[in-house]
Amino acid sequence: MQKFSMSFDLFEKINVNGEDAHPLYKFLQNAVPGTLVNAIKWNYTKFLTDRNGIPLKRYAPTTAPMRSSSVFNHTSTHCVELASLRFE
């Protein structure tokens, strides 16, 4: 990779589904289940967390990124509900 002189960090490939899934993605999938299944269906699935890292919502890959004002309006209604959950 050095021969391309990249100026960004390149991370190791990880699994996001299945038994070998990275613990972060297992946590996200359990905290904010999918519509039909918990597995991440495709690239660009988005997870919204609060400033403390508590997952609030999962968005499908086809959902366009939202403006911050609509995100804040949406999350304010879910914070109390999810704040009482415990994640292992």
C-alpha atoms as a PDB file:
ATOM      1  CA  MET A   1       0.000   0.000   0.000  1.00  0.00           C
ATOM      2  CA  GLN A   2       2.948   2.346   0.446  1.00  0.00           C
ATOM      3  CA  LYS A   3       3.475   2.627  -3.297  1.00  0.00           C
ATOM      4  CA  PHE A   4       0.174   4.512  -3.611  1.00  0.00           C
ATOM      5  CA  SER A   5       1.148   7.113  -0.963  1.00  0.00           C
ATOM      6  CA  MET A   6      -2.231   7.163   0.785  1.00  0.00           C
ATOM      7  CA  SER A   7      -2.923  10.030   3.162  1.00  0.00           C
ATOM      8  CA  PHE A   8      -5.697   8.306   5.142  1.00  0.00           C
ATOM      9  CA  ASP A   9      -5.796   5.471   7.668  1.00  0.00           C
ATOM     10  CA  LEU A  10      -6.432   2.020   6.270  1.00  0.00           C
ATOM     11  CA  PHE A  11      -7.844  -0.508   8.699  1.00  0.00           C
ATOM     12  CA  GLU A  12      -7.933  -4.272   8.664  1.00  0.00           C
ATOM     13  CA  LYS A  13     -10.945  -6.006   7.134  1.00  0.00           C
ATOM     14  CA  ILE A  14     -13.380  -7.311   9.763  1.00  0.00           C
ATOM     15  CA  ASN A  15     -16.583  -9.327   9.749  1.00  0.00           C
ATOM     16  CA  VAL A  16     -19.771  -7.486  10.656  1.00  0.00           C
ATOM     17  CA  ASN A  17     -22.115 -10.502  10.686  1.00  0.00           C
ATOM     18  CA  GLY A  18     -22.008 -14.020  12.066  1.00  0.00           C
ATOM     19  CA  GLU A  19     -20.060 -15.669  14.863  1.00  0.00           C
ATOM     20  CA  ASP A  20     -16.813 -13.973  13.783  1.00  0.00           C
ATOM     21  CA  ALA A  21     -18.355 -10.485  13.780  1.00  0.00           C
ATOM     22  CA  HIS A  22     -16.387  -7.722  15.456  1.00  0.00           C
ATOM     23  CA  PRO A  23     -17.734  -7.016  18.990  1.00  0.00           C
ATOM     24  CA  LEU A  24     -18.724  -3.460  18.004  1.00  0.00           C
ATOM     25  CA  TYR A  25     -21.061  -4.737  15.286  1.00  0.00           C
ATOM     26  CA  LYS A  26     -22.501  -7.446  17.532  1.00  0.00           C
ATOM     27  CA  PHE A  27     -23.256  -4.707  20.055  1.00  0.00           C
ATOM     28  CA  LEU A  28     -24.869  -2.434  17.454  1.00  0.00           C
ATOM     29  CA  GLN A  29     -26.972  -5.237  15.966  1.00  0.00           C
ATOM     30  CA  ASN A  30     -28.304  -6.271  19.385  1.00  0.00           C
ATOM     31  CA  ALA A  31     -28.912  -2.713  20.559  1.00  0.00           C
ATOM     32  CA  VAL A  32     -30.774  -1.593  17.436  1.00  0.00           C
ATOM     33  CA  PRO A  33     -32.280  -4.645  15.699  1.00  0.00           C
ATOM     34  CA  GLY A  34     -32.978  -4.653  11.979  1.00  0.00           C
ATOM     35  CA  THR A  35     -36.423  -4.739  10.425  1.00  0.00           C
ATOM     36  CA  LEU A  36     -36.507  -8.420   9.510  1.00  0.00           C
ATOM     37  CA  VAL A  37     -33.171  -9.712  10.808  1.00  0.00           C
ATOM     38  CA  ASN A  38     -30.363  -8.314  12.957  1.00  0.00           C
ATOM     39  CA  ALA A  39     -27.677  -8.970  10.343  1.00  0.00           C
ATOM     40  CA  ILE A  40     -26.266  -5.980   8.507  1.00  0.00           C
ATOM     41  CA  LYS A  41     -27.764  -6.422   5.060  1.00  0.00           C
ATOM     42  CA  TRP A  42     -25.470  -4.355   2.872  1.00  0.00           C
ATOM     43  CA  ASN A  43     -22.744  -1.714   2.784  1.00  0.00           C
ATOM     44  CA  TYR A  44     -23.572   1.720   4.155  1.00  0.00           C
ATOM     45  CA  THR A  45     -25.977   0.620   6.853  1.00  0.00           C
ATOM     46  CA  LYS A  46     -25.894   3.565   9.252  1.00  0.00           C
ATOM     47  CA  PHE A  47     -26.109   3.586  13.052  1.00  0.00           C
ATOM     48  CA  LEU A  48     -26.973   6.711  15.013  1.00  0.00           C
ATOM     49  CA  THR A  49     -25.554   6.962  18.545  1.00  0.00           C
ATOM     50  CA  ASP A  50     -25.788   9.631  21.188  1.00  0.00           C
ATOM     51  CA  ARG A  51     -22.692  11.417  22.451  1.00  0.00           C
ATOM     52  CA  ASN A  52     -22.153   8.641  25.017  1.00  0.00           C
ATOM     53  CA  GLY A  53     -22.108   5.924  22.365  1.00  0.00           C
ATOM     54  CA  ILE A  54     -25.596   4.609  23.111  1.00  0.00           C
ATOM     55  CA  PRO A  55     -27.100   3.351  19.825  1.00  0.00           C
ATOM     56  CA  LEU A  56     -30.369   5.089  19.035  1.00  0.00           C
ATOM     57  CA  LYS A  57     -31.403   4.047  15.538  1.00  0.00           C
ATOM     58  CA  ARG A  58     -30.373   1.998  12.524  1.00  0.00           C
ATOM     59  CA  TYR A  59     -30.835   3.286   8.999  1.00  0.00           C
ATOM     60  CA  ALA A  60     -30.980   1.192   5.834  1.00  0.00           C
ATOM     61  CA  PRO A  61     -28.247   1.548   3.206  1.00  0.00           C
ATOM     62  CA  THR A  62     -30.766   3.249   0.928  1.00  0.00           C
ATOM     63  CA  THR A  63     -31.531   5.983   3.479  1.00  0.00           C
ATOM     64  CA  ALA A  64     -29.801   9.219   2.533  1.00  0.00           C
ATOM     65  CA  PRO A  65     -27.749  10.943   5.239  1.00  0.00           C
ATOM     66  CA  MET A  66     -29.925  13.359   7.183  1.00  0.00           C
ATOM     67  CA  ARG A  67     -29.448  16.962   8.164  1.00  0.00           C
ATOM     68  CA  SER A  68     -28.458  17.405  11.786  1.00  0.00           C
ATOM     69  CA  SER A  69     -31.661  19.259  12.729  1.00  0.00           C
ATOM     70  CA  SER A  70     -33.858  16.315  11.724  1.00  0.00           C
ATOM     71  CA  VAL A  71     -31.535  13.900  13.556  1.00  0.00           C
ATOM     72  CA  PHE A  72     -31.759  15.902  16.782  1.00  0.00           C
ATOM     73  CA  ASN A  73     -35.536  16.078  16.549  1.00  0.00           C
ATOM     74  CA  HIS A  74     -35.733  12.332  15.983  1.00  0.00           C
ATOM     75  CA  THR A  75     -33.299  11.304  18.735  1.00  0.00           C
ATOM     76  CA  SER A  76     -34.832  13.428  21.448  1.00  0.00           C
ATOM     77  CA  THR A  77     -37.914  11.166  21.431  1.00  0.00           C
ATOM     78  CA  HIS A  78     -35.867   7.961  21.802  1.00  0.00           C
ATOM     79  CA  CYS A  79     -33.226   8.904  24.395  1.00  0.00           C
ATOM     80  CA  VAL A  80     -35.288   8.050  27.477  1.00  0.00           C
ATOM     81  CA  GLU A  81     -36.439   4.721  26.054  1.00  0.00           C
ATOM     82  CA  LEU A  82     -32.921   3.523  25.192  1.00  0.00           C
ATOM     83  CA  ALA A  83     -31.117   5.049  28.169  1.00  0.00           C
ATOM     84  CA  SER A  84     -32.608   2.408  30.457  1.00  0.00           C
ATOM     85  CA  LEU A  85     -31.228  -0.510  28.391  1.00  0.00           C
ATOM     86  CA  ARG A  86     -28.072  -2.296  29.470  1.00  0.00           C
ATOM     87  CA  PHE A  87     -25.616  -3.511  26.877  1.00  0.00           C
ATOM     88  CA  GLU A  88     -23.072  -6.237  27.576  1.00  0.00           C
END
